[in-house]
Amino acid sequence: MNLKNAFLSLEKYFSPKIIGEVNDQYIKVVKIKGQEVPWHIHENEDELFYIAKGTLLMEIENQPDLKLKKGDLFVVNKGKNHRVSSEEECLIMLIESKTTEHTGKIKTSITKSVDQQFY
């Protein structure tokens, strides 16, 4: 798998695509621009973010906001209310448990089921 090509194949913002799996984890790629991701929680799963391009604003409830840049890696621990946004296009690789729901229990127009995320 070539990550650059995987990112180039993404057609829509806020629509993660599963590009592989390791044990009980999915490897996903997603591009975002703007602020459409709602505040949400993954009760039982940690979520790893690797920034491949751009700058990601990571907001975690009751913590200072973080600006993650190209090459940064960050883990949102389970049970943390969080959301992400980006002023310009941002490319992200995610590693998440197979049980992780896209926007937790919050459902919006951007929410994708696991079936909708297969590459």
PDB file of N, CA and C in Angstrom:
ATOM      1  N   MET A   1       0.851  -1.181   0.000  1.00  0.00           N
ATOM      2  CA  MET A   1       0.000   0.000   0.000  1.00  0.00           C
ATOM      3  C   MET A   1       0.888   1.232   0.000  1.00  0.00           C
ATOM      4  N   ASN A   2       0.580   2.156  -0.859  1.00  0.00           N
ATOM      5  CA  ASN A   2       1.289   3.426  -0.917  1.00  0.00           C
ATOM      6  C   ASN A   2       0.368   4.489  -0.307  1.00  0.00           C
ATOM      7  N   LEU A   3       0.817   5.092   0.807  1.00  0.00           N
ATOM      8  CA  LEU A   3      -0.039   6.069   1.500  1.00  0.00           C
ATOM      9  C   LEU A   3      -0.375   7.264   0.628  1.00  0.00           C
ATOM     10  N   LYS A   4       0.603   7.733  -0.141  1.00  0.00           N
ATOM     11  CA  LYS A   4       0.349   8.893  -1.010  1.00  0.00           C
ATOM     12  C   LYS A   4      -0.799   8.587  -1.969  1.00  0.00           C
ATOM     13  N   ASN A   5      -0.768   7.413  -2.581  1.00  0.00           N
ATOM     14  CA  ASN A   5      -1.841   7.026  -3.501  1.00  0.00           C
ATOM     15  C   ASN A   5      -3.176   6.844  -2.777  1.00  0.00           C
ATOM     16  N   ALA A   6      -3.123   6.321  -1.553  1.00  0.00           N
ATOM     17  CA  ALA A   6      -4.356   6.163  -0.775  1.00  0.00           C
ATOM     18  C   ALA A   6      -4.996   7.524  -0.507  1.00  0.00           C
ATOM     19  N   PHE A   7      -4.171   8.508  -0.149  1.00  0.00           N
ATOM     20  CA  PHE A   7      -4.712   9.855   0.080  1.00  0.00           C
ATOM     21  C   PHE A   7      -5.245  10.461  -1.215  1.00  0.00           C
ATOM     22  N   LEU A   8      -4.555  10.240  -2.327  1.00  0.00           N
ATOM     23  CA  LEU A   8      -5.006  10.789  -3.608  1.00  0.00           C
ATOM     24  C   LEU A   8      -6.357  10.220  -4.033  1.00  0.00           C
ATOM     25  N   SER A   9      -6.662   9.011  -3.590  1.00  0.00           N
ATOM     26  CA  SER A   9      -7.919   8.364  -3.982  1.00  0.00           C
ATOM     27  C   SER A   9      -9.122   8.879  -3.192  1.00  0.00           C
ATOM     28  N   LEU A  10      -8.884   9.630  -2.119  1.00  0.00           N
ATOM     29  CA  LEU A  10     -10.000  10.148  -1.315  1.00  0.00           C
ATOM     30  C   LEU A  10     -10.749  11.223  -2.090  1.00  0.00           C
ATOM     31  N   GLU A  11     -12.045  11.038  -2.237  1.00  0.00           N
ATOM     32  CA  GLU A  11     -12.845  11.982  -3.002  1.00  0.00           C
ATOM     33  C   GLU A  11     -13.558  13.005  -2.121  1.00  0.00           C
ATOM     34  N   LYS A  12     -13.943  12.606  -0.913  1.00  0.00           N
ATOM     35  CA  LYS A  12     -14.747  13.480  -0.059  1.00  0.00           C
ATOM     36  C   LYS A  12     -14.040  13.745   1.262  1.00  0.00           C
ATOM     37  N   TYR A  13     -14.296  14.926   1.815  1.00  0.00           N
ATOM     38  CA  TYR A  13     -13.815  15.241   3.150  1.00  0.00           C
ATOM     39  C   TYR A  13     -14.651  14.491   4.190  1.00  0.00           C
ATOM     40  N   PHE A  14     -14.029  14.227   5.328  1.00  0.00           N
ATOM     41  CA  PHE A  14     -14.700  13.611   6.480  1.00  0.00           C
ATOM     42  C   PHE A  14     -15.268  12.237   6.168  1.00  0.00           C
ATOM     43  N   SER A  15     -14.622  11.512   5.255  1.00  0.00           N
ATOM     44  CA  SER A  15     -15.089  10.188   4.866  1.00  0.00           C
ATOM     45  C   SER A  15     -13.917   9.199   4.928  1.00  0.00           C
ATOM     46  N   PRO A  16     -13.612   8.674   6.129  1.00  0.00           N
ATOM     47  CA  PRO A  16     -12.450   7.792   6.272  1.00  0.00           C
ATOM     48  C   PRO A  16     -12.586   6.523   5.445  1.00  0.00           C
ATOM     49  N   LYS A  17     -11.429   6.052   4.989  1.00  0.00           N
ATOM     50  CA  LYS A  17     -11.378   4.804   4.218  1.00  0.00           C
ATOM     51  C   LYS A  17     -10.404   3.844   4.880  1.00  0.00           C
ATOM     52  N   ILE A  18     -10.840   2.607   5.054  1.00  0.00           N
ATOM     53  CA  ILE A  18     -10.000   1.557   5.624  1.00  0.00           C
ATOM     54  C   ILE A  18      -9.057   1.059   4.537  1.00  0.00           C
ATOM     55  N   ILE A  19      -7.749   1.124   4.819  1.00  0.00           N
ATOM     56  CA  ILE A  19      -6.764   0.685   3.826  1.00  0.00           C
ATOM     57  C   ILE A  19      -6.009  -0.571   4.259  1.00  0.00           C
ATOM     58  N   GLY A  20      -6.217  -1.005   5.494  1.00  0.00           N
ATOM     59  CA  GLY A  20      -5.556  -2.211   5.979  1.00  0.00           C
ATOM     60  C   GLY A  20      -5.992  -2.520   7.398  1.00  0.00           C
ATOM     61  N   GLU A  21      -5.459  -3.629   7.905  1.00  0.00           N
ATOM     62  CA  GLU A  21      -5.762  -3.997   9.278  1.00  0.00           C
ATOM     63  C   GLU A  21      -4.582  -4.726   9.891  1.00  0.00           C
ATOM     64  N   VAL A  22      -4.436  -4.548  11.187  1.00  0.00           N
ATOM     65  CA  VAL A  22      -3.412  -5.225  11.969  1.00  0.00           C
ATOM     66  C   VAL A  22      -4.110  -5.750  13.215  1.00  0.00           C
ATOM     67  N   ASN A  23      -4.146  -7.065  13.362  1.00  0.00           N
ATOM     68  CA  ASN A  23      -4.843  -7.690  14.481  1.00  0.00           C
ATOM     69  C   ASN A  23      -6.264  -7.147  14.563  1.00  0.00           C
ATOM     70  N   ASP A  24      -6.634  -6.517  15.643  1.00  0.00           N
ATOM     71  CA  ASP A  24      -8.003  -6.008  15.806  1.00  0.00           C
ATOM     72  C   ASP A  24      -8.103  -4.512  15.544  1.00  0.00           C
ATOM     73  N   GLN A  25      -7.185  -3.976  14.735  1.00  0.00           N
ATOM     74  CA  GLN A  25      -7.144  -2.544  14.438  1.00  0.00           C
ATOM     75  C   GLN A  25      -7.310  -2.309  12.936  1.00  0.00           C
ATOM     76  N   TYR A  26      -8.035  -1.267  12.585  1.00  0.00           N
ATOM     77  CA  TYR A  26      -8.107  -0.818  11.197  1.00  0.00           C
ATOM     78  C   TYR A  26      -7.126   0.334  11.004  1.00  0.00           C
ATOM     79  N   ILE A  27      -6.507   0.374   9.848  1.00  0.00           N
ATOM     80  CA  ILE A  27      -5.688   1.500   9.422  1.00  0.00           C
ATOM     81  C   ILE A  27      -6.537   2.263   8.413  1.00  0.00           C
ATOM     82  N   LYS A  28      -6.730   3.567   8.671  1.00  0.00           N
ATOM     83  CA  LYS A  28      -7.615   4.370   7.831  1.00  0.00           C
ATOM     84  C   LYS A  28      -6.905   5.623   7.362  1.00  0.00           C
ATOM     85  N   VAL A  29      -7.371   6.166   6.245  1.00  0.00           N
ATOM     86  CA  VAL A  29      -6.935   7.481   5.775  1.00  0.00           C
ATOM     87  C   VAL A  29      -8.182   8.350   5.625  1.00  0.00           C
ATOM     88  N   VAL A  30      -7.987   9.641   5.889  1.00  0.00           N
ATOM     89  CA  VAL A  30      -9.105  10.582   5.781  1.00  0.00           C
ATOM     90  C   VAL A  30      -8.546  11.958   5.478  1.00  0.00           C
ATOM     91  N   LYS A  31      -9.328  12.751   4.757  1.00  0.00           N
ATOM     92  CA  LYS A  31      -8.960  14.158   4.573  1.00  0.00           C
ATOM     93  C   LYS A  31     -10.084  14.997   5.156  1.00  0.00           C
ATOM     94  N   ILE A  32      -9.681  16.088   5.809  1.00  0.00           N
ATOM     95  CA  ILE A  32     -10.679  16.981   6.382  1.00  0.00           C
ATOM     96  C   ILE A  32     -10.341  18.412   6.002  1.00  0.00           C
ATOM     97  N   LYS A  33     -11.346  19.235   6.033  1.00  0.00           N
ATOM     98  CA  LYS A  33     -11.194  20.673   5.840  1.00  0.00           C
ATOM     99  C   LYS A  33     -12.437  21.314   6.418  1.00  0.00           C
ATOM    100  N   GLY A  34     -12.248  22.186   7.390  1.00  0.00           N
ATOM    101  CA  GLY A  34     -13.372  22.818   8.054  1.00  0.00           C
ATOM    102  C   GLY A  34     -13.644  22.170   9.391  1.00  0.00           C
ATOM    103  N   GLN A  35     -14.854  22.421   9.899  1.00  0.00           N
ATOM    104  CA  GLN A  35     -15.201  21.935  11.224  1.00  0.00           C
ATOM    105  C   GLN A  35     -16.570  21.277  11.169  1.00  0.00           C
ATOM    106  N   GLU A  36     -16.588  20.027  10.745  1.00  0.00           N
ATOM    107  CA  GLU A  36     -17.852  19.299  10.680  1.00  0.00           C
ATOM    108  C   GLU A  36     -17.898  18.121  11.643  1.00  0.00           C
ATOM    109  N   VAL A  37     -16.760  17.780  12.241  1.00  0.00           N
ATOM    110  CA  VAL A  37     -16.722  16.647  13.157  1.00  0.00           C
ATOM    111  C   VAL A  37     -17.329  17.092  14.495  1.00  0.00           C
ATOM    112  N   PRO A  38     -18.367  16.400  14.956  1.00  0.00           N
ATOM    113  CA  PRO A  38     -19.001  16.796  16.217  1.00  0.00           C
ATOM    114  C   PRO A  38     -18.168  16.359  17.427  1.00  0.00           C
ATOM    115  N   TRP A  39     -18.416  16.982  18.558  1.00  0.00           N
ATOM    116  CA  TRP A  39     -17.852  16.480  19.799  1.00  0.00           C
ATOM    117  C   TRP A  39     -18.351  15.051  19.984  1.00  0.00           C
ATOM    118  N   HIS A  40     -17.445  14.122  20.311  1.00  0.00           N
ATOM    119  CA  HIS A  40     -17.846  12.734  20.494  1.00  0.00           C
ATOM    120  C   HIS A  40     -16.845  11.995  21.378  1.00  0.00           C
ATOM    121  N   ILE A  41     -17.265  10.834  21.838  1.00  0.00           N
ATOM    122  CA  ILE A  41     -16.465   9.997  22.733  1.00  0.00           C
ATOM    123  C   ILE A  41     -16.429   8.581  22.180  1.00  0.00           C
ATOM    124  N   HIS A  42     -15.258   7.958  22.293  1.00  0.00           N
ATOM    125  CA  HIS A  42     -15.126   6.520  22.062  1.00  0.00           C
ATOM    126  C   HIS A  42     -14.925   5.913  23.449  1.00  0.00           C
ATOM    127  N   GLU A  43     -15.979   5.325  23.985  1.00  0.00           N
ATOM    128  CA  GLU A  43     -15.982   4.863  25.374  1.00  0.00           C
ATOM    129  C   GLU A  43     -14.901   3.822  25.668  1.00  0.00           C
ATOM    130  N   ASN A  44     -14.642   2.924  24.722  1.00  0.00           N
ATOM    131  CA  ASN A  44     -13.767   1.771  25.001  1.00  0.00           C
ATOM    132  C   ASN A  44     -12.531   1.689  24.126  1.00  0.00           C
ATOM    133  N   GLU A  45     -12.316   2.678  23.260  1.00  0.00           N
ATOM    134  CA  GLU A  45     -11.215   2.573  22.303  1.00  0.00           C
ATOM    135  C   GLU A  45     -10.356   3.832  22.279  1.00  0.00           C
ATOM    136  N   ASP A  46      -9.042   3.642  22.241  1.00  0.00           N
ATOM    137  CA  ASP A  46      -8.115   4.733  21.955  1.00  0.00           C
ATOM    138  C   ASP A  46      -8.111   4.956  20.448  1.00  0.00           C
ATOM    139  N   GLU A  47      -7.650   6.136  20.017  1.00  0.00           N
ATOM    140  CA  GLU A  47      -7.653   6.493  18.591  1.00  0.00           C
ATOM    141  C   GLU A  47      -6.331   7.191  18.270  1.00  0.00           C
ATOM    142  N   LEU A  48      -5.576   6.644  17.326  1.00  0.00           N
ATOM    143  CA  LEU A  48      -4.282   7.210  16.956  1.00  0.00           C
ATOM    144  C   LEU A  48      -4.423   8.057  15.697  1.00  0.00           C
ATOM    145  N   PHE A  49      -3.881   9.276  15.736  1.00  0.00           N
ATOM    146  CA  PHE A  49      -3.875  10.207  14.607  1.00  0.00           C
ATOM    147  C   PHE A  49      -2.427  10.434  14.177  1.00  0.00           C
ATOM    148  N   TYR A  50      -2.140  10.276  12.881  1.00  0.00           N
ATOM    149  CA  TYR A  50      -0.842  10.649  12.312  1.00  0.00           C
ATOM    150  C   TYR A  50      -1.121  11.676  11.215  1.00  0.00           C
ATOM    151  N   ILE A  51      -0.512  12.846  11.325  1.00  0.00           N
ATOM    152  CA  ILE A  51      -0.772  13.917  10.364  1.00  0.00           C
ATOM    153  C   ILE A  51       0.209  13.792   9.201  1.00  0.00           C
ATOM    154  N   ALA A  52      -0.326  13.511   8.014  1.00  0.00           N
ATOM    155  CA  ALA A  52       0.503  13.342   6.819  1.00  0.00           C
ATOM    156  C   ALA A  52       0.674  14.652   6.050  1.00  0.00           C
ATOM    157  N   LYS A  53      -0.303  15.556   6.199  1.00  0.00           N
ATOM    158  CA  LYS A  53      -0.247  16.855   5.508  1.00  0.00           C
ATOM    159  C   LYS A  53      -1.148  17.825   6.238  1.00  0.00           C
ATOM    160  N   GLY A  54      -0.698  19.065   6.353  1.00  0.00           N
ATOM    161  CA  GLY A  54      -1.544  20.105   6.919  1.00  0.00           C
ATOM    162  C   GLY A  54      -1.409  20.243   8.425  1.00  0.00           C
ATOM    163  N   THR A  55      -2.378  20.954   8.997  1.00  0.00           N
ATOM    164  CA  THR A  55      -2.428  21.199  10.439  1.00  0.00           C
ATOM    165  C   THR A  55      -3.814  20.819  10.948  1.00  0.00           C
ATOM    166  N   LEU A  56      -3.841  20.045  12.014  1.00  0.00           N
ATOM    167  CA  LEU A  56      -5.086  19.577  12.613  1.00  0.00           C
ATOM    168  C   LEU A  56      -5.261  20.243  13.971  1.00  0.00           C
ATOM    169  N   LEU A  57      -6.431  20.824  14.196  1.00  0.00           N
ATOM    170  CA  LEU A  57      -6.760  21.323  15.516  1.00  0.00           C
ATOM    171  C   LEU A  57      -7.447  20.196  16.276  1.00  0.00           C
ATOM    172  N   MET A  58      -6.828  19.770  17.362  1.00  0.00           N
ATOM    173  CA  MET A  58      -7.377  18.708  18.205  1.00  0.00           C
ATOM    174  C   MET A  58      -7.931  19.360  19.470  1.00  0.00           C
ATOM    175  N   GLU A  59      -9.226  19.222  19.677  1.00  0.00           N
ATOM    176  CA  GLU A  59      -9.858  19.753  20.874  1.00  0.00           C
ATOM    177  C   GLU A  59     -10.287  18.581  21.748  1.00  0.00           C
ATOM    178  N   ILE A  60      -9.859  18.603  22.998  1.00  0.00           N
ATOM    179  CA  ILE A  60     -10.241  17.588  23.975  1.00  0.00           C
ATOM    180  C   ILE A  60     -10.822  18.327  25.172  1.00  0.00           C
ATOM    181  N   GLU A  61     -12.010  17.919  25.575  1.00  0.00           N
ATOM    182  CA  GLU A  61     -12.703  18.607  26.662  1.00  0.00           C
ATOM    183  C   GLU A  61     -11.825  18.716  27.909  1.00  0.00           C
ATOM    184  N   ASN A  62     -11.800  19.912  28.489  1.00  0.00           N
ATOM    185  CA  ASN A  62     -11.057  20.212  29.717  1.00  0.00           C
ATOM    186  C   ASN A  62      -9.537  20.110  29.564  1.00  0.00           C
ATOM    187  N   GLN A  63      -9.051  20.228  28.328  1.00  0.00           N
ATOM    188  CA  GLN A  63      -7.611  20.243  28.074  1.00  0.00           C
ATOM    189  C   GLN A  63      -7.309  21.361  27.090  1.00  0.00           C
ATOM    190  N   PRO A  64      -6.076  21.878  27.094  1.00  0.00           N
ATOM    191  CA  PRO A  64      -5.720  22.901  26.096  1.00  0.00           C
ATOM    192  C   PRO A  64      -5.809  22.326  24.682  1.00  0.00           C
ATOM    193  N   ASP A  65      -6.238  23.160  23.726  1.00  0.00           N
ATOM    194  CA  ASP A  65      -6.279  22.733  22.324  1.00  0.00           C
ATOM    195  C   ASP A  65      -4.864  22.450  21.831  1.00  0.00           C
ATOM    196  N   LEU A  66      -4.760  21.506  20.894  1.00  0.00           N
ATOM    197  CA  LEU A  66      -3.473  21.152  20.303  1.00  0.00           C
ATOM    198  C   LEU A  66      -3.505  21.422  18.811  1.00  0.00           C
ATOM    199  N   LYS A  67      -2.414  21.960  18.270  1.00  0.00           N
ATOM    200  CA  LYS A  67      -2.262  22.086  16.823  1.00  0.00           C
ATOM    201  C   LYS A  67      -1.233  21.049  16.399  1.00  0.00           C
ATOM    202  N   LEU A  68      -1.711  20.020  15.715  1.00  0.00           N
ATOM    203  CA  LEU A  68      -0.847  18.947  15.239  1.00  0.00           C
ATOM    204  C   LEU A  68      -0.460  19.238  13.803  1.00  0.00           C
ATOM    205  N   LYS A  69       0.829  19.100  13.492  1.00  0.00           N
ATOM    206  CA  LYS A  69       1.348  19.418  12.164  1.00  0.00           C
ATOM    207  C   LYS A  69       1.888  18.171  11.480  1.00  0.00           C
ATOM    208  N   LYS A  70       2.199  18.300  10.211  1.00  0.00           N
ATOM    209  CA  LYS A  70       2.736  17.190   9.418  1.00  0.00           C
ATOM    210  C   LYS A  70       3.831  16.477  10.205  1.00  0.00           C
ATOM    211  N   GLY A  71       3.693  15.171  10.297  1.00  0.00           N
ATOM    212  CA  GLY A  71       4.665  14.343  11.007  1.00  0.00           C
ATOM    213  C   GLY A  71       4.315  14.074  12.455  1.00  0.00           C
ATOM    214  N   ASP A  72       3.321  14.806  13.003  1.00  0.00           N
ATOM    215  CA  ASP A  72       2.930  14.590  14.397  1.00  0.00           C
ATOM    216  C   ASP A  72       2.043  13.365  14.521  1.00  0.00           C
ATOM    217  N   LEU A  73       2.149  12.712  15.677  1.00  0.00           N
ATOM    218  CA  LEU A  73       1.339  11.552  16.008  1.00  0.00           C
ATOM    219  C   LEU A  73       0.728  11.822  17.377  1.00  0.00           C
ATOM    220  N   PHE A  74      -0.545  11.527  17.534  1.00  0.00           N
ATOM    221  CA  PHE A  74      -1.231  11.789  18.791  1.00  0.00           C
ATOM    222  C   PHE A  74      -2.263  10.702  19.045  1.00  0.00           C
ATOM    223  N   VAL A  75      -2.393  10.290  20.304  1.00  0.00           N
ATOM    224  CA  VAL A  75      -3.396   9.302  20.690  1.00  0.00           C
ATOM    225  C   VAL A  75      -4.439   9.965  21.585  1.00  0.00           C
ATOM    226  N   VAL A  76      -5.702   9.855  21.174  1.00  0.00           N
ATOM    227  CA  VAL A  76      -6.818  10.281  22.015  1.00  0.00           C
ATOM    228  C   VAL A  76      -7.209   9.059  22.836  1.00  0.00           C
ATOM    229  N   ASN A  77      -7.097   9.181  24.132  1.00  0.00           N
ATOM    230  CA  ASN A  77      -7.422   8.057  25.005  1.00  0.00           C
ATOM    231  C   ASN A  77      -8.932   7.840  25.077  1.00  0.00           C
ATOM    232  N   LYS A  78      -9.310   6.586  25.258  1.00  0.00           N
ATOM    233  CA  LYS A  78     -10.734   6.239  25.369  1.00  0.00           C
ATOM    234  C   LYS A  78     -11.393   7.062  26.455  1.00  0.00           C
ATOM    235  N   GLY A  79     -12.670   7.365  26.219  1.00  0.00           N
ATOM    236  CA  GLY A  79     -13.455   8.092  27.193  1.00  0.00           C
ATOM    237  C   GLY A  79     -13.267   9.603  27.165  1.00  0.00           C
ATOM    238  N   LYS A  80     -12.459  10.130  26.238  1.00  0.00           N
ATOM    239  CA  LYS A  80     -12.221  11.577  26.156  1.00  0.00           C
ATOM    240  C   LYS A  80     -13.139  12.194  25.101  1.00  0.00           C
ATOM    241  N   ASN A  81     -13.907  13.199  25.502  1.00  0.00           N
ATOM    242  CA  ASN A  81     -14.764  13.924  24.571  1.00  0.00           C
ATOM    243  C   ASN A  81     -13.869  14.801  23.707  1.00  0.00           C
ATOM    244  N   HIS A  82     -13.950  14.646  22.389  1.00  0.00           N
ATOM    245  CA  HIS A  82     -13.023  15.347  21.495  1.00  0.00           C
ATOM    246  C   HIS A  82     -13.669  15.648  20.151  1.00  0.00           C
ATOM    247  N   ARG A  83     -13.014  16.554  19.413  1.00  0.00           N
ATOM    248  CA  ARG A  83     -13.372  16.826  18.020  1.00  0.00           C
ATOM    249  C   ARG A  83     -12.128  17.368  17.327  1.00  0.00           C
ATOM    250  N   VAL A  84     -12.153  17.287  16.001  1.00  0.00           N
ATOM    251  CA  VAL A  84     -11.031  17.781  15.205  1.00  0.00           C
ATOM    252  C   VAL A  84     -11.548  18.705  14.119  1.00  0.00           C
ATOM    253  N   SER A  85     -10.658  19.604  13.660  1.00  0.00           N
ATOM    254  CA  SER A  85     -10.983  20.485  12.549  1.00  0.00           C
ATOM    255  C   SER A  85      -9.688  20.943  11.899  1.00  0.00           C
ATOM    256  N   SER A  86      -9.823  21.572  10.746  1.00  0.00           N
ATOM    257  CA  SER A  86      -8.656  22.075  10.023  1.00  0.00           C
ATOM    258  C   SER A  86      -9.095  23.215   9.116  1.00  0.00           C
ATOM    259  N   GLU A  87      -8.350  24.322   9.160  1.00  0.00           N
ATOM    260  CA  GLU A  87      -8.682  25.453   8.293  1.00  0.00           C
ATOM    261  C   GLU A  87      -8.400  25.127   6.827  1.00  0.00           C
ATOM    262  N   GLU A  88      -7.300  24.461   6.567  1.00  0.00           N
ATOM    263  CA  GLU A  88      -6.927  24.034   5.219  1.00  0.00           C
ATOM    264  C   GLU A  88      -6.999  22.514   5.157  1.00  0.00           C
ATOM    265  N   GLU A  89      -6.880  21.953   3.974  1.00  0.00           N
ATOM    266  CA  GLU A  89      -6.931  20.500   3.840  1.00  0.00           C
ATOM    267  C   GLU A  89      -5.875  19.831   4.717  1.00  0.00           C
ATOM    268  N   CYS A  90      -6.297  18.809   5.425  1.00  0.00           N
ATOM    269  CA  CYS A  90      -5.423  18.049   6.309  1.00  0.00           C
ATOM    270  C   CYS A  90      -5.608  16.567   5.993  1.00  0.00           C
ATOM    271  N   LEU A  91      -4.504  15.852   5.811  1.00  0.00           N
ATOM    272  CA  LEU A  91      -4.537  14.416   5.537  1.00  0.00           C
ATOM    273  C   LEU A  91      -4.088  13.674   6.783  1.00  0.00           C
ATOM    274  N   ILE A  92      -4.882  12.693   7.194  1.00  0.00           N
ATOM    275  CA  ILE A  92      -4.655  11.998   8.456  1.00  0.00           C
ATOM    276  C   ILE A  92      -4.703  10.489   8.235  1.00  0.00           C
ATOM    277  N   MET A  93      -3.755   9.785   8.855  1.00  0.00           N
ATOM    278  CA  MET A  93      -3.849   8.334   8.960  1.00  0.00           C
ATOM    279  C   MET A  93      -4.316   8.037  10.378  1.00  0.00           C
ATOM    280  N   LEU A  94      -5.308   7.172  10.497  1.00  0.00           N
ATOM    281  CA  LEU A  94      -5.873   6.786  11.789  1.00  0.00           C
ATOM    282  C   LEU A  94      -5.623   5.304  12.025  1.00  0.00           C
ATOM    283  N   ILE A  95      -5.383   4.942  13.260  1.00  0.00           N
ATOM    284  CA  ILE A  95      -5.385   3.538  13.662  1.00  0.00           C
ATOM    285  C   ILE A  95      -6.399   3.432  14.791  1.00  0.00           C
ATOM    286  N   GLU A  96      -7.417   2.598  14.543  1.00  0.00           N
ATOM    287  CA  GLU A  96      -8.535   2.480  15.476  1.00  0.00           C
ATOM    288  C   GLU A  96      -8.935   1.018  15.617  1.00  0.00           C
ATOM    289  N   SER A  97      -9.459   0.671  16.792  1.00  0.00           N
ATOM    290  CA  SER A  97     -10.033  -0.659  16.985  1.00  0.00           C
ATOM    291  C   SER A  97     -11.161  -0.868  15.990  1.00  0.00           C
ATOM    292  N   LYS A  98     -11.369  -2.112  15.594  1.00  0.00           N
ATOM    293  CA  LYS A  98     -12.438  -2.409  14.647  1.00  0.00           C
ATOM    294  C   LYS A  98     -13.815  -2.057  15.197  1.00  0.00           C
ATOM    295  N   THR A  99     -13.930  -1.919  16.499  1.00  0.00           N
ATOM    296  CA  THR A  99     -15.213  -1.593  17.118  1.00  0.00           C
ATOM    297  C   THR A  99     -15.462  -0.088  17.219  1.00  0.00           C
ATOM    298  N   THR A 100     -14.483   0.743  16.828  1.00  0.00           N
ATOM    299  CA  THR A 100     -14.614   2.191  16.960  1.00  0.00           C
ATOM    300  C   THR A 100     -15.655   2.733  15.986  1.00  0.00           C
ATOM    301  N   GLU A 101     -16.653   3.420  16.529  1.00  0.00           N
ATOM    302  CA  GLU A 101     -17.656   4.064  15.688  1.00  0.00           C
ATOM    303  C   GLU A 101     -17.125   5.426  15.253  1.00  0.00           C
ATOM    304  N   HIS A 102     -17.332   5.776  13.996  1.00  0.00           N
ATOM    305  CA  HIS A 102     -16.768   6.974  13.382  1.00  0.00           C
ATOM    306  C   HIS A 102     -16.910   8.209  14.262  1.00  0.00           C
ATOM    307  N   THR A 103     -18.106   8.548  14.660  1.00  0.00           N
ATOM    308  CA  THR A 103     -18.335   9.720  15.510  1.00  0.00           C
ATOM    309  C   THR A 103     -18.971   9.294  16.833  1.00  0.00           C
ATOM    310  N   GLY A 104     -18.482   8.181  17.368  1.00  0.00           N
ATOM    311  CA  GLY A 104     -19.016   7.674  18.631  1.00  0.00           C
ATOM    312  C   GLY A 104     -20.502   7.417  18.521  1.00  0.00           C
ATOM    313  N   LYS A 105     -21.242   7.772  19.553  1.00  0.00           N
ATOM    314  CA  LYS A 105     -22.704   7.583  19.563  1.00  0.00           C
ATOM    315  C   LYS A 105     -23.433   8.760  18.915  1.00  0.00           C
ATOM    316  N   ILE A 106     -22.678   9.798  18.516  1.00  0.00           N
ATOM    317  CA  ILE A 106     -23.260  10.983  17.878  1.00  0.00           C
ATOM    318  C   ILE A 106     -23.396  10.704  16.378  1.00  0.00           C
ATOM    319  N   LYS A 107     -24.570  10.907  15.838  1.00  0.00           N
ATOM    320  CA  LYS A 107     -24.815  10.675  14.411  1.00  0.00           C
ATOM    321  C   LYS A 107     -25.103  12.011  13.720  1.00  0.00           C
ATOM    322  N   THR A 108     -24.325  12.312  12.668  1.00  0.00           N
ATOM    323  CA  THR A 108     -24.533  13.522  11.881  1.00  0.00           C
ATOM    324  C   THR A 108     -24.449  13.158  10.402  1.00  0.00           C
ATOM    325  N   SER A 109     -24.518  14.154   9.546  1.00  0.00           N
ATOM    326  CA  SER A 109     -24.461  13.916   8.101  1.00  0.00           C
ATOM    327  C   SER A 109     -23.107  13.361   7.654  1.00  0.00           C
ATOM    328  N   ILE A 110     -22.056  13.527   8.457  1.00  0.00           N
ATOM    329  CA  ILE A 110     -20.746  12.997   8.055  1.00  0.00           C
ATOM    330  C   ILE A 110     -20.476  11.599   8.598  1.00  0.00           C
ATOM    331  N   THR A 111     -21.304  11.107   9.511  1.00  0.00           N
ATOM    332  CA  THR A 111     -21.073   9.811  10.151  1.00  0.00           C
ATOM    333  C   THR A 111     -21.097   8.692   9.116  1.00  0.00           C
ATOM    334  N   LYS A 112     -20.073   7.840   9.170  1.00  0.00           N
ATOM    335  CA  LYS A 112     -19.959   6.695   8.252  1.00  0.00           C
ATOM    336  C   LYS A 112     -19.924   5.402   9.048  1.00  0.00           C
ATOM    337  N   SER A 113     -20.677   4.417   8.601  1.00  0.00           N
ATOM    338  CA  SER A 113     -20.618   3.090   9.218  1.00  0.00           C
ATOM    339  C   SER A 113     -19.298   2.428   8.796  1.00  0.00           C
ATOM    340  N   VAL A 114     -18.931   1.357   9.462  1.00  0.00           N
ATOM    341  CA  VAL A 114     -17.708   0.639   9.072  1.00  0.00           C
ATOM    342  C   VAL A 114     -17.821   0.170   7.626  1.00  0.00           C
ATOM    343  N   ASP A 115     -18.976  -0.348   7.226  1.00  0.00           N
ATOM    344  CA  ASP A 115     -19.153  -0.810   5.844  1.00  0.00           C
ATOM    345  C   ASP A 115     -18.897   0.305   4.825  1.00  0.00           C
ATOM    346  N   GLN A 116     -19.246   1.537   5.164  1.00  0.00           N
ATOM    347  CA  GLN A 116     -19.032   2.674   4.261  1.00  0.00           C
ATOM    348  C   GLN A 116     -17.569   3.098   4.215  1.00  0.00           C
ATOM    349  N   GLN A 117     -16.741   2.581   5.100  1.00  0.00           N
ATOM    350  CA  GLN A 117     -15.354   3.002   5.176  1.00  0.00           C
ATOM    351  C   GLN A 117     -14.384   2.088   4.424  1.00  0.00           C
ATOM    352  N   PHE A 118     -14.863   0.980   3.902  1.00  0.00           N
ATOM    353  CA  PHE A 118     -13.940   0.079   3.191  1.00  0.00           C
ATOM    354  C   PHE A 118     -13.477   0.707   1.890  1.00  0.00           C
ATOM    355  N   TYR A 119     -12.206   0.603   1.624  1.00  0.00           N
ATOM    356  CA  TYR A 119     -11.493   1.214   0.497  1.00  0.00           C
ATOM    357  C   TYR A 119     -11.954   0.637  -0.814  1.00  0.00           C
TER     358      TYR A 119
END
